[in-house]
Protein backbone atom coordinates (compact mmCIF):
# COMPACT_ATOMS: atom_id res chain seq x y z
CA MET A 1 90.70 195.06 -37.67
CA ILE A 2 89.14 194.03 -41.01
CA ASP A 3 89.71 190.42 -42.04
CA SER A 4 91.37 190.71 -45.44
CA SER A 5 90.81 186.99 -46.13
CA VAL A 6 87.07 187.57 -46.69
CA ARG A 7 86.66 188.07 -50.43
CA LYS A 8 83.17 189.61 -50.46
CA ARG A 9 81.70 191.80 -47.74
CA LEU A 10 79.78 194.93 -46.85
CA SER A 11 82.17 197.78 -46.02
CA ALA A 12 82.35 201.52 -45.51
CA ILE A 13 84.58 202.92 -48.27
CA LEU A 14 86.46 206.22 -47.98
CA ALA A 15 88.01 207.78 -51.08
CA ALA A 16 90.17 210.92 -50.90
CA ASP A 17 92.41 212.99 -53.13
CA VAL A 18 94.36 216.26 -53.12
CA VAL A 19 92.71 219.25 -54.74
CA GLY A 20 94.65 220.56 -57.75
CA TYR A 21 97.50 218.08 -57.28
CA THR A 22 98.79 218.31 -60.87
CA SER A 23 98.95 222.10 -60.74
CA LEU A 24 100.65 222.02 -57.34
CA MET A 25 103.29 219.63 -58.65
CA GLU A 26 103.98 221.92 -61.59
CA GLN A 27 104.44 224.91 -59.27
CA ASP A 28 106.48 223.23 -56.51
CA SER A 29 107.05 219.51 -56.92
CA ASP A 30 109.43 219.11 -53.96
CA GLY A 31 107.22 221.08 -51.58
CA THR A 32 104.07 219.25 -52.69
CA VAL A 33 105.63 215.80 -52.30
CA ALA A 34 106.94 216.78 -48.85
CA ALA A 35 103.50 218.07 -47.81
CA TRP A 36 101.84 214.89 -49.07
CA GLN A 37 104.32 212.71 -47.17
CA PHE A 38 103.78 214.76 -44.02
CA ALA A 39 99.98 214.50 -44.33
CA ARG A 40 100.23 210.77 -44.84
CA THR A 41 102.61 209.94 -41.99
CA GLU A 42 101.34 212.46 -39.43
CA VAL A 43 97.57 212.43 -40.07
CA ILE A 44 96.15 209.97 -42.57
CA ASP A 45 97.86 206.71 -41.64
CA PRO A 46 97.62 207.18 -37.83
CA PHE A 47 93.93 208.18 -37.77
CA ILE A 48 92.79 205.47 -40.17
CA ALA A 49 94.47 202.92 -37.91
CA GLU A 50 92.95 204.54 -34.80
CA TYR A 51 89.43 204.19 -36.25
CA SER A 52 89.92 200.51 -37.14
CA GLY A 53 90.34 201.10 -40.83
CA ARG A 54 92.92 200.05 -43.32
CA ILE A 55 94.40 201.79 -46.32
CA VAL A 56 93.75 199.67 -49.37
CA LYS A 57 96.01 201.71 -51.64
CA HIS A 58 97.69 205.06 -52.12
CA THR A 59 97.31 206.76 -55.46
CA GLY A 60 99.56 209.53 -56.74
CA ASP A 61 97.32 212.19 -55.26
CA GLY A 62 95.06 210.36 -52.83
CA PHE A 63 94.11 207.09 -51.15
CA LEU A 64 91.36 204.51 -50.72
CA ALA A 65 90.49 203.15 -47.27
CA GLU A 66 88.04 200.60 -45.85
CA PHE A 67 86.34 200.63 -42.43
CA LEU A 68 84.37 198.16 -40.35
CA THR A 69 81.54 200.65 -39.75
CA VAL A 70 80.16 203.77 -41.41
CA HIS A 71 80.27 205.58 -38.08
CA GLU A 72 84.03 205.03 -37.77
CA ALA A 73 84.61 206.03 -41.40
CA VAL A 74 82.80 209.37 -41.00
CA GLN A 75 84.38 210.10 -37.61
CA CYS A 76 87.82 209.41 -39.06
CA ALA A 77 87.11 211.71 -42.04
CA VAL A 78 85.99 214.53 -39.75
CA VAL A 79 89.07 214.27 -37.52
CA MET A 80 91.46 213.98 -40.47
CA GLN A 81 90.06 217.08 -42.17
CA ALA A 82 90.35 219.02 -38.93
CA GLU A 83 94.01 218.02 -38.60
CA LEU A 84 94.79 218.55 -42.29
CA VAL A 85 93.93 222.24 -41.96
CA ALA A 86 97.56 222.68 -40.87
CA SER A 87 98.73 221.16 -44.16
CA THR A 88 99.38 223.17 -47.30
CA LEU A 89 97.25 220.62 -49.18
CA ASP A 90 93.46 220.48 -49.37
CA PHE A 91 91.77 217.07 -49.53
CA ARG A 92 88.31 216.05 -50.71
CA ILE A 93 86.72 212.95 -49.14
CA GLY A 94 83.81 210.78 -50.29
CA ILE A 95 82.25 207.94 -48.26
CA ASP A 96 79.81 205.18 -49.28
CA LEU A 97 78.50 201.92 -47.86
CA GLY A 98 78.33 198.93 -50.18
CA ASP A 99 79.39 195.43 -51.12
CA ILE A 100 83.00 195.08 -52.18
CA ILE A 101 85.11 192.28 -53.58
CA ASP A 102 88.63 191.89 -52.24
CA ASP A 103 91.12 190.21 -54.59
CA GLY A 104 93.95 190.39 -52.07
CA GLU A 105 95.58 193.43 -53.68
CA ASP A 106 92.69 195.81 -54.34
CA ILE A 107 88.96 196.14 -53.69
CA HIS A 108 86.26 196.52 -56.32
CA GLY A 109 82.53 197.11 -56.46
CA GLU A 110 79.82 199.71 -56.65
CA GLY A 111 80.65 201.10 -53.20
CA VAL A 112 84.19 201.92 -54.33
CA ASN A 113 82.93 203.57 -57.50
CA ILE A 114 80.35 205.71 -55.69
CA ALA A 115 82.81 206.83 -52.97
CA ALA A 116 85.26 207.98 -55.66
CA ARG A 117 82.59 209.81 -57.66
CA ILE A 118 80.94 211.69 -54.79
CA GLU A 119 84.33 212.68 -53.41
CA ALA A 120 84.62 215.03 -56.41
CA LEU A 121 81.48 216.88 -55.19
CA ALA A 122 83.08 217.83 -51.86
CA ASN A 123 84.54 221.26 -51.24
CA PRO A 124 88.31 221.51 -50.69
CA GLY A 125 88.78 220.35 -47.11
CA GLY A 126 85.25 218.89 -47.13
CA ILE A 127 83.39 215.56 -47.01
CA CYS A 128 80.51 214.16 -49.07
CA VAL A 129 78.59 210.98 -48.18
CA SER A 130 75.96 208.87 -49.87
CA ALA A 131 72.36 208.67 -48.65
CA LEU A 132 73.08 205.23 -47.14
CA VAL A 133 75.87 206.72 -45.03
CA TYR A 134 73.77 209.76 -44.08
CA GLU A 135 70.86 207.65 -42.87
CA THR A 136 73.22 205.56 -40.76
CA VAL A 137 75.04 208.39 -38.97
CA ARG A 138 72.74 211.43 -39.03
CA ASN A 139 71.54 210.93 -35.43
CA ARG A 140 74.86 209.71 -34.10
CA LEU A 141 77.20 212.61 -34.97
CA ASP A 142 77.20 216.31 -34.14
CA GLN A 143 77.92 217.38 -37.73
CA ARG A 144 75.28 219.10 -39.83
CA PHE A 145 74.55 217.81 -43.33
CA GLU A 146 73.50 219.59 -46.52
CA ASP A 147 71.35 217.72 -49.03
CA LEU A 148 72.92 218.10 -52.50
CA GLY A 149 70.18 216.12 -54.23
CA GLU A 150 70.57 213.27 -56.67
CA HIS A 151 73.55 212.91 -58.96
CA GLU A 152 74.24 210.64 -61.87
CA VAL A 153 77.20 208.38 -61.21
CA LYS A 154 79.04 206.67 -64.03
CA HIS A 155 78.53 202.87 -64.13
CA VAL A 156 75.70 203.10 -61.53
CA SER A 157 72.19 202.55 -62.91
CA ALA A 158 70.21 204.72 -60.46
CA PRO A 159 71.07 208.32 -59.39
CA VAL A 160 72.85 208.62 -56.05
CA ARG A 161 71.65 211.06 -53.44
CA VAL A 162 74.55 212.95 -51.92
CA PHE A 163 74.92 214.84 -48.63
CA ARG A 164 77.72 217.23 -47.82
CA VAL A 165 79.03 217.50 -44.26
CA ASP A 166 78.60 221.18 -43.40
CA ASP A 167 81.99 222.87 -43.91
CA ASP A 168 81.11 225.42 -41.22
CA SER A 169 80.66 222.77 -38.53
CA THR A 170 83.02 223.89 -35.77
CA SER A 171 83.91 220.32 -34.90
CA LEU A 172 85.02 219.74 -38.50
CA ARG A 173 87.55 222.48 -39.20
CA GLN A 174 89.15 224.05 -36.19
CA LEU A 175 91.28 227.15 -36.70
CA PRO A 176 94.99 226.37 -36.37
CA PRO A 177 96.58 227.75 -33.19
CA LEU A 178 99.25 230.42 -33.30
CA PRO A 179 102.72 228.84 -33.09
CA ASP A 180 105.26 229.89 -30.48
CA LYS A 181 107.54 231.44 -33.09
CA PRO A 182 106.79 234.34 -35.46
CA SER A 183 104.34 233.31 -38.17
CA ILE A 184 103.58 235.19 -41.39
CA ALA A 185 101.47 234.88 -44.51
CA VAL A 186 102.43 236.83 -47.63
CA LEU A 187 99.30 237.66 -49.60
CA PRO A 188 99.59 238.00 -53.39
CA LEU A 189 100.68 241.53 -54.26
CA ASP A 190 97.98 243.35 -56.20
CA ASN A 191 98.75 244.11 -59.82
CA LEU A 192 97.80 247.78 -60.27
CA SER A 193 99.34 248.09 -63.71
CA GLY A 194 96.03 247.84 -65.53
CA ASP A 195 97.47 245.05 -67.67
CA PRO A 196 96.62 241.44 -66.77
CA LYS A 197 99.74 240.33 -68.63
CA GLN A 198 101.82 241.88 -65.83
CA GLU A 199 100.44 239.43 -63.26
CA TYR A 200 103.59 237.34 -63.64
CA PHE A 201 105.69 240.19 -62.20
CA SER A 202 103.57 240.81 -59.08
CA ASP A 203 103.13 237.05 -58.54
CA GLY A 204 106.87 236.53 -59.03
CA ILE A 205 107.79 239.05 -56.34
CA THR A 206 105.23 237.49 -53.97
CA GLU A 207 106.62 234.00 -54.53
CA ASP A 208 110.20 235.19 -54.10
CA ILE A 209 109.35 236.89 -50.80
CA ILE A 210 107.70 233.69 -49.51
CA ALA A 211 110.68 231.59 -50.56
CA GLU A 212 113.23 233.95 -49.03
CA LEU A 213 111.33 234.38 -45.74
CA ALA A 214 111.22 230.60 -45.45
CA ARG A 215 115.02 230.64 -45.08
CA TYR A 216 114.65 232.11 -41.58
CA PRO A 217 114.59 229.07 -39.26
CA ASP A 218 112.77 230.98 -36.52
CA PHE A 219 109.82 231.90 -38.75
CA LEU A 220 106.77 229.88 -39.72
CA VAL A 221 105.95 231.00 -43.27
CA ILE A 222 102.69 229.94 -44.89
CA ALA A 223 103.32 228.21 -48.22
CA ARG A 224 102.54 229.83 -51.54
CA ASN A 225 99.63 227.47 -52.27
CA SER A 226 97.72 228.59 -49.18
CA SER A 227 98.51 232.30 -49.55
CA PHE A 228 97.38 232.40 -53.19
CA VAL A 229 93.92 231.15 -52.21
CA TYR A 230 93.21 234.81 -51.38
CA LYS A 231 94.40 236.17 -54.74
CA GLY A 232 91.95 238.67 -56.23
CA ARG A 233 89.61 238.53 -53.23
CA PRO A 234 88.74 241.27 -50.75
CA VAL A 235 89.98 239.95 -47.41
CA ASP A 236 89.57 240.64 -43.73
CA MET A 237 93.05 240.48 -42.20
CA LYS A 238 91.92 239.01 -38.90
CA GLN A 239 89.92 236.34 -40.67
CA VAL A 240 92.84 235.42 -42.93
CA ALA A 241 95.17 235.29 -39.93
CA GLY A 242 92.73 233.02 -38.11
CA GLU A 243 92.29 230.70 -41.07
CA LEU A 244 96.02 230.39 -41.63
CA GLY A 245 97.12 230.50 -37.99
CA VAL A 246 99.53 233.43 -38.32
CA HIS A 247 100.38 236.56 -36.37
CA PHE A 248 101.65 238.72 -39.25
CA ILE A 249 100.44 239.40 -42.77
CA LEU A 250 102.35 241.11 -45.55
CA GLU A 251 100.25 242.77 -48.23
CA GLY A 252 101.02 245.25 -50.97
CA SER A 253 100.82 246.17 -54.61
CA VAL A 254 102.87 246.45 -57.77
CA ARG A 255 102.40 249.18 -60.35
CA LYS A 256 104.43 248.83 -63.52
CA ALA A 257 104.29 251.70 -66.02
CA GLY A 258 106.64 252.20 -68.92
CA SER A 259 110.22 251.85 -67.73
CA ARG A 260 109.42 252.19 -64.02
CA VAL A 261 107.95 249.98 -61.34
CA ARG A 262 106.64 250.85 -57.89
CA VAL A 263 106.21 248.22 -55.19
CA VAL A 264 104.42 249.09 -51.95
CA ALA A 265 104.55 246.62 -49.06
CA GLN A 266 103.26 246.76 -45.50
CA LEU A 267 103.53 244.39 -42.58
CA ILE A 268 100.42 244.08 -40.42
CA ASP A 269 100.00 242.72 -36.91
CA ALA A 270 96.84 240.78 -37.70
CA ILE A 271 96.02 240.28 -34.02
CA SER A 272 95.73 243.99 -33.20
CA GLY A 273 95.28 245.27 -36.74
CA GLY A 274 98.23 247.65 -36.32
CA HIS A 275 100.82 248.42 -38.99
CA ILE A 276 104.38 247.49 -38.05
CA TRP A 277 106.33 248.43 -41.15
CA ALA A 278 105.67 249.92 -44.58
CA GLU A 279 107.91 250.87 -47.47
CA ARG A 280 107.70 251.99 -51.08
CA PHE A 281 110.23 250.96 -53.71
CA ASP A 282 110.57 252.89 -56.99
CA ARG A 283 112.90 251.44 -59.60
CA GLU A 284 113.89 251.73 -63.23
CA LEU A 285 113.23 248.54 -65.17
CA ASP A 286 116.56 248.17 -66.94
CA ASP A 287 116.53 244.49 -65.96
CA ILE A 288 113.15 243.35 -64.66
CA PHE A 289 114.50 240.25 -62.92
CA GLU A 290 117.34 242.16 -61.28
CA VAL A 291 114.80 244.67 -59.96
CA GLN A 292 112.64 241.79 -58.72
CA ASP A 293 115.60 240.28 -56.86
CA GLU A 294 116.64 243.62 -55.35
CA ILE A 295 113.15 244.51 -54.11
CA THR A 296 112.65 241.02 -52.70
CA ALA A 297 115.95 241.16 -50.80
CA GLN A 298 115.19 244.54 -49.26
CA ILE A 299 111.64 243.61 -48.27
CA VAL A 300 112.71 240.31 -46.72
CA SER A 301 115.61 241.84 -44.79
CA ALA A 302 113.41 244.64 -43.44
CA LEU A 303 110.63 242.18 -42.62
CA GLY A 304 112.94 239.85 -40.75
CA GLN A 305 114.30 242.68 -38.62
CA SER A 306 110.85 244.22 -38.05
CA ILE A 307 109.32 240.94 -36.92
CA GLN A 308 112.27 240.19 -34.64
CA ASN A 309 112.09 243.67 -33.10
CA PHE A 310 108.35 243.32 -32.56
CA ARG A 311 108.78 239.94 -30.88
CA LEU A 312 111.64 241.32 -28.78
CA ARG A 313 109.44 244.13 -27.46
CA GLU A 314 106.75 241.59 -26.63
CA SER A 315 109.17 239.25 -24.85
CA ARG A 316 110.63 242.05 -22.76
CA ARG A 317 107.23 242.54 -21.18
CA LYS A 318 107.35 239.04 -19.75
CA GLU A 319 108.60 238.17 -16.31
CA PRO A 320 111.98 236.36 -16.54
CA ALA A 321 110.53 233.28 -14.90
CA ASN A 322 107.92 233.00 -17.66
CA MET A 323 110.22 233.29 -20.67
CA ASP A 324 110.50 230.14 -22.78
CA SER A 325 113.49 229.01 -24.83
CA TYR A 326 112.51 231.02 -27.91
CA ASP A 327 112.15 234.27 -25.93
CA LYS A 328 115.52 233.71 -24.30
CA CYS A 329 117.11 233.19 -27.73
CA LEU A 330 115.41 236.32 -28.99
CA GLN A 331 116.74 238.43 -26.13
CA ALA A 332 120.19 236.87 -26.48
CA SER A 333 120.27 237.74 -30.20
CA ALA A 334 119.44 241.37 -29.41
CA GLN A 335 122.69 241.64 -27.43
CA LEU A 336 124.94 240.55 -30.29
CA PRO A 337 125.24 243.38 -32.86
CA ASN A 338 127.81 245.48 -30.94
CA PRO A 339 130.77 243.50 -29.58
CA ASP A 340 130.94 244.65 -25.96
CA ARG A 341 131.85 242.33 -23.11
CA THR A 342 128.82 242.92 -20.86
CA PRO A 343 126.07 242.31 -23.45
CA PHE A 344 127.92 239.28 -24.78
CA THR A 345 128.06 237.81 -21.29
CA ASP A 346 124.32 238.38 -20.93
CA ALA A 347 123.69 236.85 -24.36
CA ARG A 348 125.59 233.67 -23.50
CA ARG A 349 123.74 233.32 -20.19
CA LEU A 350 120.34 233.67 -21.90
CA ALA A 351 121.27 231.21 -24.65
CA GLN A 352 122.51 228.67 -22.11
CA GLU A 353 119.24 229.04 -20.19
CA ALA A 354 117.42 228.39 -23.48
CA ILE A 355 119.45 225.20 -23.95
CA THR A 356 118.50 224.07 -20.46
CA LEU A 357 114.84 224.45 -21.44
CA ASP A 358 115.34 222.89 -24.87
CA PRO A 359 118.64 221.03 -25.42
CA GLU A 360 117.77 220.46 -29.11
CA LEU A 361 117.39 224.15 -29.96
CA ALA A 362 120.06 224.71 -32.60
CA GLN A 363 119.75 228.51 -32.53
CA ALA A 364 120.64 228.64 -28.83
CA HIS A 365 123.77 226.55 -29.42
CA ALA A 366 124.71 228.79 -32.36
CA ILE A 367 124.38 231.91 -30.17
CA VAL A 368 126.60 230.37 -27.50
CA GLY A 369 129.16 229.53 -30.18
CA TRP A 370 129.00 233.10 -31.45
CA THR A 371 129.65 234.58 -28.00
CA GLN A 372 132.57 232.20 -27.51
CA LEU A 373 134.05 233.27 -30.84
CA ILE A 374 133.81 236.99 -30.08
CA SER A 375 135.24 236.37 -26.60
CA PHE A 376 138.22 234.70 -28.28
CA THR A 377 138.78 237.51 -30.80
CA SER A 378 138.49 240.10 -28.00
CA ARG A 379 140.96 238.19 -25.77
CA TRP A 380 138.51 238.22 -22.87
CA PRO A 381 138.99 234.67 -21.51
CA ASP A 382 142.07 233.34 -19.73
CA ASP A 383 142.31 230.53 -22.29
CA PRO A 384 141.49 232.10 -25.66
CA GLU A 385 142.65 229.11 -27.73
CA GLY A 386 140.43 226.81 -25.67
CA THR A 387 137.56 229.22 -26.17
CA LEU A 388 138.05 229.11 -29.95
CA GLU A 389 137.94 225.31 -29.83
CA ASP A 390 134.78 225.48 -27.69
CA SER A 391 133.20 227.80 -30.25
CA TYR A 392 134.09 225.43 -33.09
CA GLU A 393 132.61 222.42 -31.28
CA THR A 394 129.48 224.38 -30.34
CA GLY A 395 129.01 225.40 -33.98
CA GLN A 396 129.35 221.77 -35.05
CA ARG A 397 126.76 220.77 -32.44
CA ALA A 398 124.32 223.39 -33.75
CA ILE A 399 124.77 222.17 -37.33
CA ALA A 400 124.22 218.57 -36.24
CA LEU A 401 120.89 219.70 -34.77
CA ASP A 402 119.93 221.80 -37.80
CA ASP A 403 122.06 221.81 -40.94
CA HIS A 404 120.01 224.75 -42.29
CA ASN A 405 120.87 227.11 -39.42
CA PHE A 406 122.85 229.87 -41.12
CA LEU A 407 124.21 231.31 -37.84
CA ALA A 408 125.72 227.93 -36.99
CA HIS A 409 127.48 227.77 -40.36
CA THR A 410 128.67 231.35 -39.82
CA VAL A 411 130.19 230.40 -36.46
CA LEU A 412 131.86 227.33 -37.98
CA GLY A 413 133.26 229.31 -40.91
CA LEU A 414 134.68 232.08 -38.75
CA CYS A 415 136.29 229.55 -36.43
CA GLN A 416 137.94 227.97 -39.46
CA ILE A 417 139.20 231.39 -40.59
CA TRP A 418 140.79 231.97 -37.17
CA GLN A 419 142.21 228.46 -37.28
CA ARG A 420 143.84 229.60 -40.55
CA ARG A 421 141.93 227.08 -42.62
CA HIS A 422 140.89 229.87 -44.94
CA ASP A 423 139.52 227.81 -47.82
CA LEU A 424 137.32 225.74 -45.50
CA GLY A 425 136.19 228.88 -43.72
CA ILE A 426 135.17 230.63 -46.93
CA ALA A 427 133.27 227.50 -48.05
CA SER A 428 131.38 227.35 -44.73
CA LEU A 429 130.52 231.04 -44.94
CA GLU A 430 129.40 230.68 -48.56
CA ARG A 431 127.05 227.97 -47.29
CA ALA A 432 125.75 230.33 -44.59
CA VAL A 433 125.09 233.07 -47.16
CA ALA A 434 123.39 230.59 -49.49
CA LEU A 435 121.09 229.48 -46.67
CA ASN A 436 119.96 233.06 -46.09
CA PRO A 437 121.32 235.56 -48.62
CA ASN A 438 119.21 238.35 -47.13
CA GLU A 439 120.64 238.08 -43.61
CA ALA A 440 122.85 241.13 -43.33
CA THR A 441 125.04 240.05 -40.41
CA THR A 442 126.07 236.86 -42.17
CA ARG A 443 127.08 238.92 -45.21
CA ALA A 444 129.07 241.31 -43.02
CA TYR A 445 131.13 238.58 -41.36
CA PHE A 446 131.64 236.89 -44.71
CA SER A 447 133.12 240.22 -45.81
CA VAL A 448 135.69 240.42 -43.02
CA SER A 449 136.63 236.79 -43.64
CA LEU A 450 137.33 237.63 -47.27
CA VAL A 451 139.65 240.41 -46.04
CA PHE A 452 141.63 237.89 -44.01
CA ALA A 453 141.63 235.46 -46.94
CA GLY A 454 143.18 238.11 -49.20
CA GLU A 455 140.13 239.09 -51.27
CA PRO A 456 139.47 242.76 -50.34
CA GLU A 457 137.61 243.65 -53.57
CA ARG A 458 135.13 240.84 -53.04
CA ALA A 459 134.92 241.83 -49.37
CA LEU A 460 133.89 245.38 -50.30
CA ALA A 461 131.12 244.04 -52.54
CA GLU A 462 129.77 241.85 -49.71
CA ILE A 463 129.82 244.60 -47.06
CA GLU A 464 127.99 246.95 -49.43
CA ILE A 465 125.25 244.34 -49.79
CA ALA A 466 125.09 243.98 -46.00
CA MET A 467 124.77 247.75 -45.55
CA ARG A 468 122.03 247.91 -48.16
CA LEU A 469 120.12 245.08 -46.49
CA ASN A 470 120.48 246.69 -43.06
CA PRO A 471 120.64 250.50 -43.44
CA HIS A 472 120.71 250.87 -39.64
CA TYR A 473 123.81 248.73 -39.41
CA PRO A 474 125.85 248.24 -36.20
CA ALA A 475 129.39 249.41 -35.52
CA THR A 476 130.98 246.26 -36.97
CA TYR A 477 129.91 247.01 -40.55
CA PRO A 478 131.96 250.18 -41.18
CA ASN A 479 134.85 248.56 -39.32
CA PHE A 480 134.79 245.60 -41.70
CA ARG A 481 134.66 247.88 -44.72
CA GLY A 482 137.55 249.84 -43.27
CA ARG A 483 139.61 246.66 -43.00
CA ALA A 484 139.23 246.07 -46.74
CA TYR A 485 140.36 249.65 -47.37
CA PHE A 486 143.27 249.16 -44.95
CA VAL A 487 144.54 246.06 -46.79
CA GLN A 488 144.34 248.03 -50.04
CA GLY A 489 146.32 250.93 -48.51
CA ARG A 490 143.35 253.30 -48.72
CA TYR A 491 144.02 254.69 -45.24
CA GLU A 492 141.99 257.93 -45.43
CA GLU A 493 138.83 256.00 -46.31
CA ALA A 494 139.63 253.38 -43.70
CA GLU A 495 140.07 256.01 -40.97
CA ILE A 496 136.61 257.45 -41.63
CA ASP A 497 135.00 254.03 -41.23
CA PHE A 498 137.05 253.12 -38.14
CA ASN A 499 136.16 256.39 -36.40
CA GLN A 500 132.47 255.79 -37.11
CA SER A 501 132.77 252.30 -35.68
CA ALA A 502 134.62 253.47 -32.56
CA ALA A 503 131.99 256.12 -31.90
CA ASN A 504 129.26 253.47 -31.83
CA ALA A 505 131.24 250.73 -30.06
CA PRO A 506 133.79 252.59 -27.91
CA ARG A 507 134.83 249.53 -25.89
CA TRP A 508 135.52 247.15 -28.75
CA PRO A 509 139.29 246.56 -28.58
CA GLY A 510 139.64 245.13 -32.09
CA GLY A 511 137.94 248.16 -33.58
CA ARG A 512 140.20 250.64 -31.79
CA LEU A 513 143.31 248.60 -32.51
CA ILE A 514 143.01 248.79 -36.29
CA LEU A 515 142.03 252.46 -36.00
CA ALA A 516 145.32 253.05 -34.16
CA ALA A 517 147.26 251.25 -36.91
CA THR A 518 145.54 253.36 -39.57
CA GLU A 519 146.30 256.59 -37.71
CA ALA A 520 149.94 255.51 -37.44
CA ALA A 521 150.00 254.87 -41.20
CA LEU A 522 148.69 258.42 -41.72
CA GLY A 523 151.32 259.88 -39.36
CA LYS A 524 148.79 260.74 -36.62
CA LEU A 525 150.87 259.21 -33.83
CA ASP A 526 149.27 261.07 -30.90
CA ALA A 527 145.82 259.84 -31.86
CA ALA A 528 147.20 256.35 -32.50
CA ARG A 529 148.85 256.18 -29.05
CA SER A 530 145.67 257.42 -27.40
CA ASN A 531 143.67 254.62 -28.99
CA VAL A 532 146.26 252.02 -28.02
CA GLY A 533 145.99 253.29 -24.44
CA THR A 534 142.21 252.81 -24.55
CA VAL A 535 142.67 249.27 -25.91
CA LEU A 536 145.00 248.37 -23.05
CA GLU A 537 142.53 249.74 -20.49
CA ILE A 538 139.84 247.45 -21.91
CA SER A 539 142.05 244.39 -22.57
CA PRO A 540 145.45 244.76 -20.86
CA GLU A 541 146.51 241.28 -22.02
CA ILE A 542 146.78 242.37 -25.69
CA LYS A 543 150.44 242.47 -26.75
CA LEU A 544 152.36 242.40 -30.02
CA ALA A 545 153.53 238.88 -29.12
CA ASN A 546 150.02 237.43 -29.17
CA LEU A 547 148.54 239.71 -31.82
CA SER A 548 148.71 237.25 -34.73
CA THR A 549 146.16 234.99 -33.03
CA ASN A 550 143.45 237.62 -33.51
CA TRP A 551 144.33 238.75 -37.01
CA PRO A 552 144.47 235.65 -39.20
CA PHE A 553 145.65 237.19 -42.47
CA ARG A 554 146.51 234.54 -45.05
CA ASP A 555 149.27 236.85 -46.36
CA GLU A 556 151.90 237.13 -43.59
CA SER A 557 153.25 240.37 -45.04
CA VAL A 558 149.91 242.09 -44.39
CA PHE A 559 150.07 241.11 -40.73
CA GLU A 560 153.72 242.18 -40.43
CA HIS A 561 152.83 245.63 -41.78
CA PHE A 562 149.91 245.86 -39.37
CA ALA A 563 152.10 244.85 -36.41
CA LYS A 564 154.81 247.41 -37.28
CA LEU A 565 152.23 250.19 -37.36
CA LEU A 566 150.94 249.16 -33.92
CA GLU A 567 154.47 249.02 -32.57
CA LYS A 568 154.91 252.59 -33.80
CA ALA A 569 151.62 253.46 -32.04
CA GLY A 570 152.99 252.16 -28.74
CA LEU A 571 151.52 248.68 -28.37
CA PRO A 572 153.92 246.78 -26.04
């Protein structure tokens, strides 16, 4: 390594900074600082050490480094820029060879000045070198160089000749590989309003979609700074996908005219060029920000489901022996919407196989916890109370692995509801909704928890949001809405929802049980007894004596009314 005790020496100096750092900080200070820290710890510091260099100092938006040889300095710059392609930040690098003076804390001299000045001539993600550096390395490296001519440099008497390392050199900037999980870039929505002043609205929707998609832990979402590079440019989808390393691209447009706005969005499989999903949203602009939030929520919810369905179809084509942990989680998740014993058993098996492949995969633990919870509520296991405790511990394990996993917080919250710790349960579920407010299933189970906690009006509002986010909702959704109606004594409305649920999930005992109670409340005893008979065929262990375990109403009088109706319907 370089001997820092030498006060004057000839060194290769590398100066680098982040392109547009001030603007990036204004747009997203937390994200920019995180990206800078990642670049420093994962790329810059390790590679400078590997090539026998040392970082003299970090500046707010860059760094200065010193190397023993010019060859090592240029090699290090090339490798770093290739690795930094995966970052959301673009760096410029300048390199010079010259005498420097080391005062023990910083280095000074003409070489430092020139490296800093010619760095500004580099393209984003590029490298510029002085003529001295070029002459030293031109026959020793595979990179091509472009002569940029002579440039005046402040505080340097003679012009400096500058060479740019060819940005198209394949060894310089390699295309990022596709990740194992779904990856998407959201391109800036085109403003078709004919008024440049409306750019804020189309840009705002784009930024909101990016931010909301980023809440999905299974997605890799390209940051706003990288996506907006393509704003106002004609693009080739395959080229963009290659440059950003993504499988999917969302593009669209916004047309705002008078009191109405139209947003068109389409999801593209950039690998094949095929269209996966497209939708048009027409809205009145009574409240522009409310419309923006509504459109964003619907696009993100539909996108999440479309991407998951696409990946599920792809994974099902694989041989079981070749499925990795993510594919197993994906197939397990597909079994969860309708609470039937066979698919839940398959889901748990797949999730446990995923854990075997990757013990740190929080989503797999969360799925196992979910299946344990539904097994408990359906009275499938011999030891339901033990199964509830297992679900609670599994949810805690998933959160320990990833505190931002909304399914894990949903599992934990529901366990707390069934443990009759209603306030804790609602707090956990509020956290789950906050982590991903556009995830319909989380909203739906938050709704039923609010019913148990004695807040049916709020529950109805939440289930309506869930149904709007997922128009092709599973059997649980109308059942949960029916429960809110039931608690309010709105039995006719509840019966409609419970019948719809039973038609789509005929072997869900909990769904048929509350349908039977509702029919008893309406005086339809024959129908009620028939449904109780079906429940006992599916789960013969269900009795009035153990019923309270499954129906954790905070208000005991609500449960007592429910139990009396089921007794009238013939539940032993």
